[in-house]
C-alpha atoms as a PDB file:
ATOM      1  CA  ASN A   1      12.590 -49.029 -35.059  1.00  0.00           C
ATOM      2  CA  ASP A   2       9.632 -46.641 -35.187  1.00  0.00           C
ATOM      3  CA  ILE A   3       8.733 -47.114 -31.493  1.00  0.00           C
ATOM      4  CA  ARG A   4       9.972 -44.404 -29.158  1.00  0.00           C
ATOM      5  CA  TYR A   5       9.967 -43.908 -25.436  1.00  0.00           C
ATOM      6  CA  SER A   6       7.247 -41.302 -25.840  1.00  0.00           C
ATOM      7  CA  ASP A   7       5.066 -43.760 -27.808  1.00  0.00           C
ATOM      8  CA  VAL A   8       5.223 -46.333 -24.994  1.00  0.00           C
ATOM      9  CA  LYS A   9       4.516 -43.722 -22.386  1.00  0.00           C
ATOM     10  CA  LYS A  10       1.558 -42.340 -24.326  1.00  0.00           C
ATOM     11  CA  PHE A  11       0.148 -45.830 -24.585  1.00  0.00           C
ATOM     12  CA  TYR A  12       0.582 -46.541 -20.889  1.00  0.00           C
ATOM     13  CA  LEU A  13      -0.970 -43.159 -19.911  1.00  0.00           C
ATOM     14  CA  SER A  14      -4.016 -43.922 -22.116  1.00  0.00           C
ATOM     15  CA  LEU A  15      -4.529 -47.039 -20.056  1.00  0.00           C
ATOM     16  CA  VAL A  16      -4.178 -45.056 -16.833  1.00  0.00           C
ATOM     17  CA  GLU A  17      -6.792 -42.552 -17.999  1.00  0.00           C
ATOM     18  CA  LYS A  18      -9.194 -45.413 -18.550  1.00  0.00           C
ATOM     19  CA  GLY A  19      -8.828 -46.354 -14.919  1.00  0.00           C
ATOM     20  CA  MET A  20      -6.352 -49.179 -15.144  1.00  0.00           C
ATOM     21  CA  LYS A  21      -4.750 -50.223 -11.841  1.00  0.00           C
ATOM     22  CA  VAL A  22      -1.010 -50.025 -11.370  1.00  0.00           C
ATOM     23  CA  SER A  23      -0.780 -53.821 -10.826  1.00  0.00           C
ATOM     24  CA  THR A  24      -2.455 -54.476 -14.222  1.00  0.00           C
ATOM     25  CA  LEU A  25      -0.261 -51.939 -16.013  1.00  0.00           C
ATOM     26  CA  THR A  26       2.791 -53.554 -14.425  1.00  0.00           C
ATOM     27  CA  THR A  27       1.672 -56.957 -15.758  1.00  0.00           C
ATOM     28  CA  ILE A  28       1.437 -55.483 -19.300  1.00  0.00           C
ATOM     29  CA  HIS A  29       4.851 -53.926 -18.929  1.00  0.00           C
ATOM     30  CA  ASN A  30       6.298 -57.205 -17.754  1.00  0.00           C
ATOM     31  CA  PHE A  31       5.292 -58.715 -21.154  1.00  0.00           C
ATOM     32  CA  LEU A  32       6.214 -55.784 -23.293  1.00  0.00           C
ATOM     33  CA  HIS A  33       9.644 -54.880 -21.813  1.00  0.00           C
ATOM     34  CA  PRO A  34      11.352 -58.280 -22.168  1.00  0.00           C
ATOM     35  CA  THR A  35       9.968 -58.576 -25.737  1.00  0.00           C
ATOM     36  CA  LEU A  36      11.589 -55.298 -26.693  1.00  0.00           C
ATOM     37  CA  GLN A  37      14.704 -56.232 -24.761  1.00  0.00           C
ATOM     38  CA  LEU A  38      15.039 -59.364 -26.875  1.00  0.00           C
ATOM     39  CA  ALA A  39      14.844 -57.163 -29.969  1.00  0.00           C
ATOM     40  CA  VAL A  40      17.790 -55.159 -28.548  1.00  0.00           C
ATOM     41  CA  ARG A  41      19.864 -58.259 -28.009  1.00  0.00           C
ATOM     42  CA  ASN A  42      19.190 -59.397 -31.508  1.00  0.00           C
ATOM     43  CA  ASN A  43      20.314 -56.012 -32.860  1.00  0.00           C
ATOM     44  CA  TYR A  44      16.855 -55.157 -34.325  1.00  0.00           C
ATOM     45  CA  ILE A  45      16.735 -51.936 -32.330  1.00  0.00           C
ATOM     46  CA  PRO A  46      19.497 -49.973 -30.551  1.00  0.00           C
ATOM     47  CA  ASN A  47      17.752 -49.553 -27.180  1.00  0.00           C
ATOM     48  CA  ASN A  48      14.649 -50.454 -25.250  1.00  0.00           C
ATOM     49  CA  PRO A  49      12.007 -47.736 -25.575  1.00  0.00           C
ATOM     50  CA  SER A  50      10.038 -49.035 -22.628  1.00  0.00           C
ATOM     51  CA  ASP A  51      12.923 -48.575 -20.114  1.00  0.00           C
ATOM     52  CA  CYS A  52      11.852 -46.546 -16.993  1.00  0.00           C
ATOM     53  CA  VAL A  53       8.425 -45.711 -18.388  1.00  0.00           C
ATOM     54  CA  VAL A  54       6.445 -47.209 -15.530  1.00  0.00           C
ATOM     55  CA  SER A  55       8.558 -45.533 -12.910  1.00  0.00           C
ATOM     56  CA  SER A  56       8.167 -42.209 -14.703  1.00  0.00           C
ATOM     57  CA  ILE A  57       4.380 -42.587 -14.839  1.00  0.00           C
ATOM     58  CA  LYS A  58       4.169 -43.499 -11.159  1.00  0.00           C
ATOM     59  CA  LYS A  59       6.198 -40.378 -10.282  1.00  0.00           C
ATOM     60  CA  GLU A  60       4.194 -38.042 -12.432  1.00  0.00           C
ATOM     61  CA  THR A  61       0.764 -39.361 -11.349  1.00  0.00           C
ATOM     62  CA  GLY A  62       1.653 -39.851  -7.693  1.00  0.00           C
ATOM     63  CA  TRP A  63       0.808 -43.482  -7.938  1.00  0.00           C
ATOM     64  CA  GLN A  64       1.500 -45.668  -4.952  1.00  0.00           C
ATOM     65  CA  ASP A  65       1.737 -49.442  -5.040  1.00  0.00           C
ATOM     66  CA  THR A  66      -0.902 -50.962  -2.754  1.00  0.00           C
ATOM     67  CA  LYS A  67       0.801 -52.066   0.491  1.00  0.00           C
ATOM     68  CA  LYS A  68       0.317 -55.788   0.937  1.00  0.00           C
ATOM     69  CA  SER A  69      -0.186 -57.183   4.431  1.00  0.00           C
ATOM     70  CA  ALA A  70      -0.597 -60.713   5.719  1.00  0.00           C
ATOM     71  CA  LEU A  71      -3.770 -62.027   7.240  1.00  0.00           C
ATOM     72  CA  THR A  72      -3.843 -61.738  11.021  1.00  0.00           C
ATOM     73  CA  VAL A  73      -3.878 -64.932  13.064  1.00  0.00           C
ATOM     74  CA  GLU A  74      -7.509 -64.096  13.916  1.00  0.00           C
ATOM     75  CA  GLU A  75      -8.427 -63.843  10.218  1.00  0.00           C
ATOM     76  CA  GLN A  76      -6.620 -67.015   9.371  1.00  0.00           C
ATOM     77  CA  LYS A  77      -8.409 -68.901  12.174  1.00  0.00           C
ATOM     78  CA  ALA A  78     -11.777 -67.496  11.191  1.00  0.00           C
ATOM     79  CA  PHE A  79     -11.263 -68.382   7.544  1.00  0.00           C
ATOM     80  CA  ILE A  80     -10.187 -71.983   8.191  1.00  0.00           C
ATOM     81  CA  GLU A  81     -12.848 -72.673  10.902  1.00  0.00           C
ATOM     82  CA  PHE A  82     -15.597 -71.317   8.586  1.00  0.00           C
ATOM     83  CA  ILE A  83     -14.523 -73.693   5.796  1.00  0.00           C
ATOM     84  CA  LYS A  84     -14.516 -76.584   8.331  1.00  0.00           C
ATOM     85  CA  SER A  85     -18.069 -75.708   9.312  1.00  0.00           C
ATOM     86  CA  LYS A  86     -19.265 -75.925   5.760  1.00  0.00           C
ATOM     87  CA  LYS A  87     -18.722 -79.635   5.090  1.00  0.00           C
ATOM     88  CA  ARG A  88     -20.375 -79.772   1.686  1.00  0.00           C
ATOM     89  CA  ARG A  89     -19.914 -76.366   0.028  1.00  0.00           C
ATOM     90  CA  TYR A  90     -16.413 -75.286   0.939  1.00  0.00           C
ATOM     91  CA  ARG A  91     -14.841 -78.289   2.675  1.00  0.00           C
ATOM     92  CA  ARG A  92     -13.057 -79.401  -0.502  1.00  0.00           C
ATOM     93  CA  TRP A  93     -10.868 -76.392  -0.295  1.00  0.00           C
ATOM     94  CA  LEU A  94      -9.689 -76.917   3.311  1.00  0.00           C
ATOM     95  CA  ASN A  95      -6.634 -78.983   2.594  1.00  0.00           C
ATOM     96  CA  ILE A  96      -5.143 -76.796  -0.097  1.00  0.00           C
ATOM     97  CA  PHE A  97      -5.585 -73.644   2.028  1.00  0.00           C
ATOM     98  CA  ILE A  98      -4.043 -75.280   5.076  1.00  0.00           C
ATOM     99  CA  PHE A  99      -1.101 -76.177   2.839  1.00  0.00           C
ATOM    100  CA  PHE A 100      -0.786 -72.595   1.633  1.00  0.00           C
ATOM    101  CA  LEU A 101      -0.761 -71.343   5.214  1.00  0.00           C
ATOM    102  CA  GLY A 102       1.704 -74.016   6.345  1.00  0.00           C
ATOM    103  CA  THR A 103       4.248 -73.571   3.598  1.00  0.00           C
ATOM    104  CA  GLY A 104       4.115 -69.939   2.287  1.00  0.00           C
ATOM    105  CA  CYS A 105       4.399 -71.276  -1.256  1.00  0.00           C
ATOM    106  CA  ARG A 106       3.375 -69.444  -4.456  1.00  0.00           C
ATOM    107  CA  VAL A 107       0.150 -70.558  -6.046  1.00  0.00           C
ATOM    108  CA  GLY A 108       1.924 -72.077  -9.094  1.00  0.00           C
ATOM    109  CA  GLU A 109       4.260 -74.025  -6.708  1.00  0.00           C
ATOM    110  CA  VAL A 110       1.250 -75.503  -4.922  1.00  0.00           C
ATOM    111  CA  THR A 111      -0.813 -76.392  -7.967  1.00  0.00           C
ATOM    112  CA  GLY A 112       2.361 -77.767  -9.630  1.00  0.00           C
ATOM    113  CA  LEU A 113       3.322 -79.915  -6.642  1.00  0.00           C
ATOM    114  CA  THR A 114       3.632 -83.627  -7.499  1.00  0.00           C
ATOM    115  CA  TRP A 115       3.772 -86.628  -5.223  1.00  0.00           C
ATOM    116  CA  ASP A 116       7.417 -87.120  -6.315  1.00  0.00           C
ATOM    117  CA  ASN A 117       8.245 -83.928  -4.375  1.00  0.00           C
ATOM    118  CA  VAL A 118       6.652 -85.131  -1.145  1.00  0.00           C
ATOM    119  CA  ASP A 119       8.807 -87.229   1.194  1.00  0.00           C
ATOM    120  CA  PHE A 120       6.782 -88.445   4.200  1.00  0.00           C
ATOM    121  CA  LYS A 121       9.730 -90.421   5.652  1.00  0.00           C
ATOM    122  CA  LYS A 122      12.044 -87.422   5.818  1.00  0.00           C
ATOM    123  CA  GLY A 123       9.178 -84.984   6.509  1.00  0.00           C
ATOM    124  CA  ILE A 124      10.113 -82.615   3.673  1.00  0.00           C
ATOM    125  CA  ILE A 125       8.562 -81.032   0.578  1.00  0.00           C
ATOM    126  CA  SER A 126      10.732 -80.217  -2.450  1.00  0.00           C
ATOM    127  CA  ILE A 127       9.625 -77.171  -4.441  1.00  0.00           C
ATOM    128  CA  LYS A 128      10.742 -77.580  -8.047  1.00  0.00           C
ATOM    129  CA  ASN A 129       7.733 -76.848 -10.331  1.00  0.00           C
ATOM    130  CA  ASN A 130       5.594 -73.918 -11.199  1.00  0.00           C
ATOM    131  CA  LEU A 131       2.230 -74.514 -12.886  1.00  0.00           C
ATOM    132  CA  THR A 132       0.622 -71.694 -14.860  1.00  0.00           C
ATOM    133  CA  TYR A 133      -2.630 -71.444 -16.752  1.00  0.00           C
ATOM    134  CA  ILE A 134      -1.897 -69.293 -19.813  1.00  0.00           C
ATOM    135  CA  TYR A 135      -3.676 -67.845 -22.862  1.00  0.00           C
ATOM    136  CA  GLN A 136      -3.056 -69.634 -26.197  1.00  0.00           C
ATOM    137  CA  GLU A 137      -2.921 -68.169 -29.759  1.00  0.00           C
ATOM    138  CA  ASP A 138      -6.193 -69.927 -30.634  1.00  0.00           C
ATOM    139  CA  GLY A 139      -7.983 -68.080 -27.815  1.00  0.00           C
ATOM    140  CA  SER A 140      -8.066 -70.977 -25.404  1.00  0.00           C
ATOM    141  CA  PHE A 141      -6.242 -71.409 -22.042  1.00  0.00           C
ATOM    142  CA  ALA A 142      -3.887 -74.262 -21.148  1.00  0.00           C
ATOM    143  CA  PHE A 143      -1.709 -75.428 -18.343  1.00  0.00           C
ATOM    144  CA  ASN A 144       2.046 -75.067 -18.605  1.00  0.00           C
ATOM    145  CA  LEU A 145       4.452 -76.719 -16.244  1.00  0.00           C
ATOM    146  CA  GLY A 146       7.712 -74.952 -15.789  1.00  0.00           C
ATOM    147  CA  THR A 147      10.436 -74.479 -13.105  1.00  0.00           C
ATOM    148  CA  THR A 148      10.163 -72.194 -10.106  1.00  0.00           C
ATOM    149  CA  LYS A 149       9.946 -68.381 -10.565  1.00  0.00           C
ATOM    150  CA  THR A 150      13.574 -67.876  -9.551  1.00  0.00           C
ATOM    151  CA  ARG A 151      16.569 -70.148  -8.958  1.00  0.00           C
ATOM    152  CA  ALA A 152      16.276 -69.475  -5.229  1.00  0.00           C
ATOM    153  CA  GLY A 153      12.674 -70.610  -5.570  1.00  0.00           C
ATOM    154  CA  GLU A 154      13.820 -74.252  -5.880  1.00  0.00           C
ATOM    155  CA  ARG A 155      13.958 -75.254  -2.200  1.00  0.00           C
ATOM    156  CA  ILE A 156      13.168 -77.724   0.504  1.00  0.00           C
ATOM    157  CA  ILE A 157      10.373 -77.000   3.067  1.00  0.00           C
ATOM    158  CA  PRO A 158       9.915 -78.860   6.339  1.00  0.00           C
ATOM    159  CA  MET A 159       6.566 -80.601   6.577  1.00  0.00           C
ATOM    160  CA  LEU A 160       4.621 -79.222   9.534  1.00  0.00           C
ATOM    161  CA  PRO A 161       2.241 -81.626  11.287  1.00  0.00           C
ATOM    162  CA  GLU A 162      -0.894 -79.823   9.937  1.00  0.00           C
ATOM    163  CA  VAL A 163       0.576 -79.954   6.348  1.00  0.00           C
ATOM    164  CA  ARG A 164       1.494 -83.663   6.724  1.00  0.00           C
ATOM    165  CA  LYS A 165      -2.097 -84.415   7.831  1.00  0.00           C
ATOM    166  CA  VAL A 166      -3.705 -82.757   4.802  1.00  0.00           C
ATOM    167  CA  LEU A 167      -1.242 -84.328   2.385  1.00  0.00           C
ATOM    168  CA  LEU A 168      -2.048 -87.809   3.770  1.00  0.00           C
ATOM    169  CA  GLU A 169      -5.758 -87.020   3.415  1.00  0.00           C
ATOM    170  CA  GLU A 170      -5.219 -86.034  -0.226  1.00  0.00           C
ATOM    171  CA  ARG A 171      -3.138 -89.133  -0.862  1.00  0.00           C
ATOM    172  CA  GLU A 172      -5.827 -91.416   0.625  1.00  0.00           C
ATOM    173  CA  LYS A 173      -8.594 -89.670  -1.321  1.00  0.00           C
ATOM    174  CA  GLN A 174      -6.735 -90.170  -4.615  1.00  0.00           C
ATOM    175  CA  LEU A 175      -6.077 -93.820  -3.837  1.00  0.00           C
ATOM    176  CA  LYS A 176      -9.877 -94.208  -3.545  1.00  0.00           C
ATOM    177  CA  THR A 177     -11.200 -91.987  -6.306  1.00  0.00           C
ATOM    178  CA  GLY A 178      -8.207 -91.782  -8.637  1.00  0.00           C
ATOM    179  CA  GLY A 179      -5.502 -89.276  -9.307  1.00  0.00           C
ATOM    180  CA  CYS A 180      -4.893 -86.644 -11.964  1.00  0.00           C
ATOM    181  CA  GLU A 181      -6.288 -87.678 -15.384  1.00  0.00           C
ATOM    182  CA  VAL A 182      -4.326 -85.174 -17.498  1.00  0.00           C
ATOM    183  CA  GLU A 183      -0.659 -85.006 -18.340  1.00  0.00           C
ATOM    184  CA  ILE A 184       1.144 -81.688 -18.273  1.00  0.00           C
ATOM    185  CA  GLY A 185       4.750 -81.457 -19.328  1.00  0.00           C
ATOM    186  CA  GLY A 186       5.069 -85.216 -19.045  1.00  0.00           C
ATOM    187  CA  VAL A 187       3.700 -85.096 -15.443  1.00  0.00           C
ATOM    188  CA  SER A 188       0.360 -86.292 -14.131  1.00  0.00           C
ATOM    189  CA  ASN A 189       0.804 -87.150 -10.454  1.00  0.00           C
ATOM    190  CA  PHE A 190      -0.234 -83.745  -9.039  1.00  0.00           C
ATOM    191  CA  VAL A 191      -1.036 -83.510  -5.352  1.00  0.00           C
ATOM    192  CA  PHE A 192      -3.952 -81.015  -5.420  1.00  0.00           C
ATOM    193  CA  ILE A 193      -6.663 -81.764  -7.989  1.00  0.00           C
ATOM    194  CA  ASN A 194     -10.258 -80.764  -8.472  1.00  0.00           C
ATOM    195  CA  ASP A 195     -13.384 -82.990  -8.812  1.00  0.00           C
ATOM    196  CA  ASN A 196     -12.676 -83.402 -12.522  1.00  0.00           C
ATOM    197  CA  HIS A 197      -9.192 -84.897 -11.606  1.00  0.00           C
ATOM    198  CA  LYS A 198      -7.322 -81.928 -13.025  1.00  0.00           C
ATOM    199  CA  PRO A 199      -4.963 -79.410 -11.325  1.00  0.00           C
ATOM    200  CA  HIS A 200      -6.437 -76.177  -9.926  1.00  0.00           C
ATOM    201  CA  SER A 201      -5.800 -72.814 -11.547  1.00  0.00           C
ATOM    202  CA  ALA A 202      -4.966 -69.670  -9.672  1.00  0.00           C
ATOM    203  CA  GLN A 203      -8.127 -67.954 -11.049  1.00  0.00           C
ATOM    204  CA  VAL A 204     -10.427 -70.655  -9.710  1.00  0.00           C
ATOM    205  CA  ILE A 205      -8.688 -70.608  -6.306  1.00  0.00           C
ATOM    206  CA  ASN A 206      -9.078 -66.823  -6.053  1.00  0.00           C
ATOM    207  CA  ARG A 207     -12.763 -67.031  -6.946  1.00  0.00           C
ATOM    208  CA  ALA A 208     -13.215 -69.620  -4.220  1.00  0.00           C
ATOM    209  CA  ILE A 209     -11.463 -67.368  -1.702  1.00  0.00           C
ATOM    210  CA  LYS A 210     -13.737 -64.452  -2.685  1.00  0.00           C
ATOM    211  CA  ARG A 211     -16.859 -66.560  -2.241  1.00  0.00           C
ATOM    212  CA  ILE A 212     -15.781 -67.923   1.128  1.00  0.00           C
ATOM    213  CA  VAL A 213     -14.805 -64.488   2.482  1.00  0.00           C
ATOM    214  CA  LYS A 214     -18.123 -63.016   1.304  1.00  0.00           C
ATOM    215  CA  ALA A 215     -20.180 -65.806   2.911  1.00  0.00           C
ATOM    216  CA  TYR A 216     -18.175 -65.687   6.144  1.00  0.00           C
ATOM    217  CA  ASN A 217     -18.500 -61.886   6.512  1.00  0.00           C
ATOM    218  CA  LYS A 218     -22.255 -62.004   5.905  1.00  0.00           C
ATOM    219  CA  LYS A 219     -22.768 -64.721   8.535  1.00  0.00           C
ATOM    220  CA  GLU A 220     -20.397 -63.025  10.974  1.00  0.00           C
ATOM    221  CA  GLN A 221     -22.173 -59.665  10.668  1.00  0.00           C
ATOM    222  CA  GLU A 222     -25.581 -61.311  11.330  1.00  0.00           C
ATOM    223  CA  GLN A 223     -24.179 -63.194  14.277  1.00  0.00           C
ATOM    224  CA  ALA A 224     -22.540 -60.106  15.728  1.00  0.00           C
ATOM    225  CA  GLU A 225     -25.866 -58.141  15.487  1.00  0.00           C
ATOM    226  CA  LYS A 226     -27.629 -60.907  17.423  1.00  0.00           C
ATOM    227  CA  GLU A 227     -24.931 -60.933  20.133  1.00  0.00           C
ATOM    228  CA  ASN A 228     -24.593 -57.097  20.212  1.00  0.00           C
ATOM    229  CA  ARG A 229     -20.827 -57.079  19.504  1.00  0.00           C
ATOM    230  CA  GLU A 230     -18.381 -55.942  16.822  1.00  0.00           C
ATOM    231  CA  PRO A 231     -17.989 -58.476  14.010  1.00  0.00           C
ATOM    232  CA  ILE A 232     -14.646 -60.120  13.317  1.00  0.00           C
ATOM    233  CA  LEU A 233     -14.477 -59.625   9.545  1.00  0.00           C
ATOM    234  CA  ILE A 234     -11.948 -60.918   7.076  1.00  0.00           C
ATOM    235  CA  ARG A 235     -10.476 -58.477   4.599  1.00  0.00           C
ATOM    236  CA  ASN A 236     -10.707 -59.248   0.868  1.00  0.00           C
ATOM    237  CA  PHE A 237      -7.516 -60.974  -0.235  1.00  0.00           C
ATOM    238  CA  SER A 238      -5.990 -63.082  -2.989  1.00  0.00           C
ATOM    239  CA  VAL A 239      -4.153 -66.391  -2.899  1.00  0.00           C
ATOM    240  CA  HIS A 240      -0.793 -64.680  -2.890  1.00  0.00           C
ATOM    241  CA  THR A 241      -1.609 -63.200   0.583  1.00  0.00           C
ATOM    242  CA  PHE A 242      -1.176 -66.702   2.033  1.00  0.00           C
ATOM    243  CA  ARG A 243       2.477 -66.376   1.015  1.00  0.00           C
END
């Protein structure tokens, strides 16, 4: 009851002054706002003091959300071909990135995909799960398997030929080396797993993308100088850009 709109705004502005990005502030707000809203519904407080705070700060500071743009076909091709050329270092990421590009799925939908959701006979993929890697009260992180982000998120996707190929490769690899060795939410038959036979996390995938883009751009710049041409560089991006 002691929290006021001005208190929330003052807190948010203090984060802005420290150089926090709008995307990070929005993430914090997305935790705080529903928590206070629950307090409203349970009649602990009369109204939500965090309502409209972010929009007010954006307006006052002239903040603009970063415009997101998809990778160009040229960037996609360069990214995939570079991974293919690095058979040892980056090759293990090839199948999952082709899957991202061929389905437009969210990262949690891809990491949470199970073999039960893959129908090779009908050529379809059922998107039902969302796997997250969240912070625990004891300071550790753990996987949590839930449903899709929205009701509309539960959907059927046609299996493109390239996607079918990488899924079959993953299936064959797991038949030889073994599948997932951990159970999350009563499920263990995940499609995309790492060398430790565990599902991937979004953080690890993003770090892999960053390393690959950096390595590709360095090599491309060196090659372009030798050939006296403009380099074809890949912009820095996150896994969500695949979507």
